[in-house]
Amino acid sequence: MRRLLLMALLLLAGCQQLPLTPEDVQARKFEAVPDKAVIYLVRDYPDFSEMQATVHLGDKLTLKTYAGTYYRWEVAPGEHQIRGAAFDTGAIRVHTLPGSLYFVQQRVTAAPFLRASSFFSVVNEPAGRAAVMRSVLLTPDQSFF
């Protein structure tokens, strides 16, 4: 029994969190931008699938998401679409106002050997902030977690 407890403690001690990047620290301040809207796209951990999912933010930006990651996207006020790529038909439109924050939760499901399917929903600010705090910021130039 003691040996099992010791092994469990050693495993937990090895789960030290890496320090946050300066960009992640800044994004977690949840600061609004006066003439823009800010959309946080967060994929919480655990998710229904560990698979990578590719999403399009608007018409110009394609990103990969992983369980336990998020993006911070500054946009002009108006309507913006977030959608899955290729065979992933998940999509959501978010109508934004200047100086506001929005939190979009992505859930990804996939059966073994099948493609990912995304489900998006706008969540309230407390739930969105909590999900971001449990996740790691990715930037558009990062390909892998």
C-alpha atoms as a PDB file:
ATOM      1  CA  MET A   1       0.000   0.000   0.000  1.00  0.00           C
ATOM      2  CA  ARG A   2       2.817   2.420   0.882  1.00  0.00           C
ATOM      3  CA  ARG A   3       4.566   1.610  -2.335  1.00  0.00           C
ATOM      4  CA  LEU A   4       1.424   2.399  -4.338  1.00  0.00           C
ATOM      5  CA  LEU A   5       0.976   5.694  -2.500  1.00  0.00           C
ATOM      6  CA  LEU A   6       4.619   6.623  -3.105  1.00  0.00           C
ATOM      7  CA  MET A   7       4.279   5.891  -6.827  1.00  0.00           C
ATOM      8  CA  ALA A   8       1.137   8.026  -7.037  1.00  0.00           C
ATOM      9  CA  LEU A   9       2.893  10.943  -5.307  1.00  0.00           C
ATOM     10  CA  LEU A  10       5.889  10.675  -7.647  1.00  0.00           C
ATOM     11  CA  LEU A  11       3.613  10.710 -10.676  1.00  0.00           C
ATOM     12  CA  LEU A  12       1.790  13.779  -9.416  1.00  0.00           C
ATOM     13  CA  ALA A  13       5.067  15.565  -8.706  1.00  0.00           C
ATOM     14  CA  GLY A  14       6.094  14.981 -12.332  1.00  0.00           C
ATOM     15  CA  CYS A  15       3.017  16.845 -13.599  1.00  0.00           C
ATOM     16  CA  GLN A  16       4.508  20.279 -13.087  1.00  0.00           C
ATOM     17  CA  GLN A  17       2.944  22.928 -15.327  1.00  0.00           C
ATOM     18  CA  LEU A  18       5.245  24.759 -17.726  1.00  0.00           C
ATOM     19  CA  PRO A  19       5.586  28.522 -17.268  1.00  0.00           C
ATOM     20  CA  LEU A  20       3.182  30.630 -19.330  1.00  0.00           C
ATOM     21  CA  THR A  21       4.449  32.548 -22.339  1.00  0.00           C
ATOM     22  CA  PRO A  22       4.207  36.362 -22.223  1.00  0.00           C
ATOM     23  CA  GLU A  23       1.472  36.174 -24.883  1.00  0.00           C
ATOM     24  CA  ASP A  24      -0.532  33.722 -22.766  1.00  0.00           C
ATOM     25  CA  VAL A  25      -0.189  35.951 -19.695  1.00  0.00           C
ATOM     26  CA  GLN A  26      -1.412  38.942 -21.722  1.00  0.00           C
ATOM     27  CA  ALA A  27      -4.347  37.017 -23.236  1.00  0.00           C
ATOM     28  CA  ARG A  28      -5.463  35.887 -19.758  1.00  0.00           C
ATOM     29  CA  LYS A  29      -5.959  39.505 -18.721  1.00  0.00           C
ATOM     30  CA  PHE A  30      -9.182  39.389 -20.774  1.00  0.00           C
ATOM     31  CA  GLU A  31      -8.790  42.982 -21.921  1.00  0.00           C
ATOM     32  CA  ALA A  32     -11.249  44.350 -24.432  1.00  0.00           C
ATOM     33  CA  VAL A  33     -10.076  46.415 -27.411  1.00  0.00           C
ATOM     34  CA  PRO A  34     -12.076  49.671 -27.806  1.00  0.00           C
ATOM     35  CA  ASP A  35     -12.684  49.550 -31.577  1.00  0.00           C
ATOM     36  CA  LYS A  36     -12.624  45.753 -31.990  1.00  0.00           C
ATOM     37  CA  ALA A  37     -14.215  42.652 -30.532  1.00  0.00           C
ATOM     38  CA  VAL A  38     -12.230  39.799 -29.017  1.00  0.00           C
ATOM     39  CA  ILE A  39     -13.231  36.177 -29.586  1.00  0.00           C
ATOM     40  CA  TYR A  40     -11.680  33.418 -27.520  1.00  0.00           C
ATOM     41  CA  LEU A  41     -11.971  30.030 -29.207  1.00  0.00           C
ATOM     42  CA  VAL A  42     -11.343  27.447 -26.488  1.00  0.00           C
ATOM     43  CA  ARG A  43     -11.182  23.682 -26.671  1.00  0.00           C
ATOM     44  CA  ASP A  44     -11.279  22.424 -23.112  1.00  0.00           C
ATOM     45  CA  TYR A  45      -9.471  19.418 -21.711  1.00  0.00           C
ATOM     46  CA  PRO A  46     -10.644  16.724 -21.474  1.00  0.00           C
ATOM     47  CA  ASP A  47     -12.475  16.761 -24.779  1.00  0.00           C
ATOM     48  CA  PHE A  48     -14.449  13.983 -26.434  1.00  0.00           C
ATOM     49  CA  SER A  49     -11.477  13.363 -28.720  1.00  0.00           C
ATOM     50  CA  GLU A  50      -7.721  13.893 -28.554  1.00  0.00           C
ATOM     51  CA  MET A  51      -7.630  14.389 -32.325  1.00  0.00           C
ATOM     52  CA  GLN A  52      -6.358  17.576 -33.884  1.00  0.00           C
ATOM     53  CA  ALA A  53      -9.124  19.612 -35.518  1.00  0.00           C
ATOM     54  CA  THR A  54      -8.643  22.208 -38.233  1.00  0.00           C
ATOM     55  CA  VAL A  55     -10.881  25.268 -38.106  1.00  0.00           C
ATOM     56  CA  HIS A  56     -11.353  28.359 -40.240  1.00  0.00           C
ATOM     57  CA  LEU A  57     -11.736  31.703 -38.513  1.00  0.00           C
ATOM     58  CA  GLY A  58     -13.410  33.848 -41.119  1.00  0.00           C
ATOM     59  CA  ASP A  59     -12.204  33.442 -44.695  1.00  0.00           C
ATOM     60  CA  LYS A  60      -8.502  34.038 -44.177  1.00  0.00           C
ATOM     61  CA  LEU A  61      -7.248  32.221 -41.087  1.00  0.00           C
ATOM     62  CA  THR A  62      -6.926  28.440 -40.737  1.00  0.00           C
ATOM     63  CA  LEU A  63      -5.839  27.017 -37.382  1.00  0.00           C
ATOM     64  CA  LYS A  64      -5.422  23.685 -35.669  1.00  0.00           C
ATOM     65  CA  THR A  65      -6.939  23.074 -32.252  1.00  0.00           C
ATOM     66  CA  TYR A  66      -6.104  20.451 -29.651  1.00  0.00           C
ATOM     67  CA  ALA A  67      -7.752  19.523 -26.367  1.00  0.00           C
ATOM     68  CA  GLY A  68      -6.615  22.029 -23.737  1.00  0.00           C
ATOM     69  CA  THR A  69      -5.818  24.902 -26.117  1.00  0.00           C
ATOM     70  CA  TYR A  70      -7.301  28.272 -27.033  1.00  0.00           C
ATOM     71  CA  TYR A  71      -6.911  31.171 -29.457  1.00  0.00           C
ATOM     72  CA  ARG A  72      -7.530  34.883 -28.938  1.00  0.00           C
ATOM     73  CA  TRP A  73      -8.859  36.533 -32.092  1.00  0.00           C
ATOM     74  CA  GLU A  74      -9.302  40.322 -32.438  1.00  0.00           C
ATOM     75  CA  VAL A  75     -11.905  41.177 -35.063  1.00  0.00           C
ATOM     76  CA  ALA A  76     -13.759  44.153 -36.484  1.00  0.00           C
ATOM     77  CA  PRO A  77     -17.291  44.460 -35.089  1.00  0.00           C
ATOM     78  CA  GLY A  78     -19.867  42.477 -37.047  1.00  0.00           C
ATOM     79  CA  GLU A  79     -20.607  38.866 -37.891  1.00  0.00           C
ATOM     80  CA  HIS A  80     -17.815  36.284 -37.937  1.00  0.00           C
ATOM     81  CA  GLN A  81     -17.924  32.606 -38.798  1.00  0.00           C
ATOM     82  CA  ILE A  82     -15.921  29.831 -37.180  1.00  0.00           C
ATOM     83  CA  ARG A  83     -16.172  26.516 -38.992  1.00  0.00           C
ATOM     84  CA  GLY A  84     -14.542  23.146 -39.285  1.00  0.00           C
ATOM     85  CA  ALA A  85     -12.386  22.301 -42.278  1.00  0.00           C
ATOM     86  CA  ALA A  86     -12.846  19.655 -44.958  1.00  0.00           C
ATOM     87  CA  PHE A  87     -15.374  17.019 -43.795  1.00  0.00           C
ATOM     88  CA  ASP A  88     -15.921  18.750 -40.425  1.00  0.00           C
ATOM     89  CA  THR A  89     -19.248  20.512 -40.921  1.00  0.00           C
ATOM     90  CA  GLY A  90     -19.388  22.205 -37.517  1.00  0.00           C
ATOM     91  CA  ALA A  91     -19.913  25.962 -37.718  1.00  0.00           C
ATOM     92  CA  ILE A  92     -21.076  28.966 -35.723  1.00  0.00           C
ATOM     93  CA  ARG A  93     -21.653  32.634 -36.517  1.00  0.00           C
ATOM     94  CA  VAL A  94     -20.871  35.150 -33.799  1.00  0.00           C
ATOM     95  CA  HIS A  95     -22.231  38.696 -34.021  1.00  0.00           C
ATOM     96  CA  THR A  96     -19.775  40.988 -32.229  1.00  0.00           C
ATOM     97  CA  LEU A  97     -19.803  44.528 -30.877  1.00  0.00           C
ATOM     98  CA  PRO A  98     -16.806  46.818 -30.353  1.00  0.00           C
ATOM     99  CA  GLY A  99     -15.166  46.599 -26.942  1.00  0.00           C
ATOM    100  CA  SER A 100     -16.730  43.219 -26.137  1.00  0.00           C
ATOM    101  CA  LEU A 101     -15.373  39.766 -25.301  1.00  0.00           C
ATOM    102  CA  TYR A 102     -16.879  36.524 -26.643  1.00  0.00           C
ATOM    103  CA  PHE A 103     -16.107  32.946 -25.678  1.00  0.00           C
ATOM    104  CA  VAL A 104     -16.733  30.115 -28.132  1.00  0.00           C
ATOM    105  CA  GLN A 105     -16.396  26.566 -26.838  1.00  0.00           C
ATOM    106  CA  GLN A 106     -15.328  23.900 -29.327  1.00  0.00           C
ATOM    107  CA  ARG A 107     -16.054  20.244 -28.640  1.00  0.00           C
ATOM    108  CA  VAL A 108     -14.592  17.648 -30.978  1.00  0.00           C
ATOM    109  CA  THR A 109     -15.905  14.128 -31.370  1.00  0.00           C
ATOM    110  CA  ALA A 110     -14.535  11.338 -33.501  1.00  0.00           C
ATOM    111  CA  ALA A 111     -14.973   7.611 -33.700  1.00  0.00           C
ATOM    112  CA  PRO A 112     -11.734   5.634 -34.139  1.00  0.00           C
ATOM    113  CA  PHE A 113     -10.230   6.087 -37.629  1.00  0.00           C
ATOM    114  CA  LEU A 114     -12.808   8.740 -38.567  1.00  0.00           C
ATOM    115  CA  ARG A 115     -12.482  12.457 -39.090  1.00  0.00           C
ATOM    116  CA  ALA A 116     -13.117  14.962 -36.326  1.00  0.00           C
ATOM    117  CA  SER A 117     -16.490  16.698 -36.011  1.00  0.00           C
ATOM    118  CA  SER A 118     -16.680  20.040 -34.209  1.00  0.00           C
ATOM    119  CA  PHE A 119     -19.547  21.422 -32.190  1.00  0.00           C
ATOM    120  CA  PHE A 120     -19.328  25.115 -31.351  1.00  0.00           C
ATOM    121  CA  SER A 121     -21.315  27.120 -28.799  1.00  0.00           C
ATOM    122  CA  VAL A 122     -21.040  30.572 -27.295  1.00  0.00           C
ATOM    123  CA  VAL A 123     -20.582  30.283 -23.524  1.00  0.00           C
ATOM    124  CA  ASN A 124     -21.034  32.918 -20.850  1.00  0.00           C
ATOM    125  CA  GLU A 125     -18.054  34.917 -19.657  1.00  0.00           C
ATOM    126  CA  PRO A 126     -17.440  33.106 -16.338  1.00  0.00           C
ATOM    127  CA  ALA A 127     -17.473  29.694 -18.039  1.00  0.00           C
ATOM    128  CA  GLY A 128     -15.333  30.970 -20.910  1.00  0.00           C
ATOM    129  CA  ARG A 129     -12.747  32.549 -18.624  1.00  0.00           C
ATOM    130  CA  ALA A 130     -12.527  29.367 -16.552  1.00  0.00           C
ATOM    131  CA  ALA A 131     -11.982  27.253 -19.690  1.00  0.00           C
ATOM    132  CA  VAL A 132      -9.252  29.626 -20.919  1.00  0.00           C
ATOM    133  CA  MET A 133      -7.499  29.480 -17.538  1.00  0.00           C
ATOM    134  CA  ARG A 134      -7.332  25.663 -17.855  1.00  0.00           C
ATOM    135  CA  SER A 135      -5.915  25.862 -21.378  1.00  0.00           C
ATOM    136  CA  VAL A 136      -2.768  26.925 -23.233  1.00  0.00           C
ATOM    137  CA  LEU A 137      -2.663  29.733 -25.795  1.00  0.00           C
ATOM    138  CA  LEU A 138      -1.784  28.807 -29.350  1.00  0.00           C
ATOM    139  CA  THR A 139      -0.857  31.379 -31.965  1.00  0.00           C
ATOM    140  CA  PRO A 140      -1.625  31.073 -35.685  1.00  0.00           C
ATOM    141  CA  ASP A 141       1.985  30.166 -36.511  1.00  0.00           C
ATOM    142  CA  GLN A 142       2.034  27.206 -34.093  1.00  0.00           C
ATOM    143  CA  SER A 143       1.266  23.922 -35.847  1.00  0.00           C
ATOM    144  CA  PHE A 144       1.547  21.499 -32.972  1.00  0.00           C
ATOM    145  CA  PHE A 145       0.728  21.506 -29.267  1.00  0.00           C
END
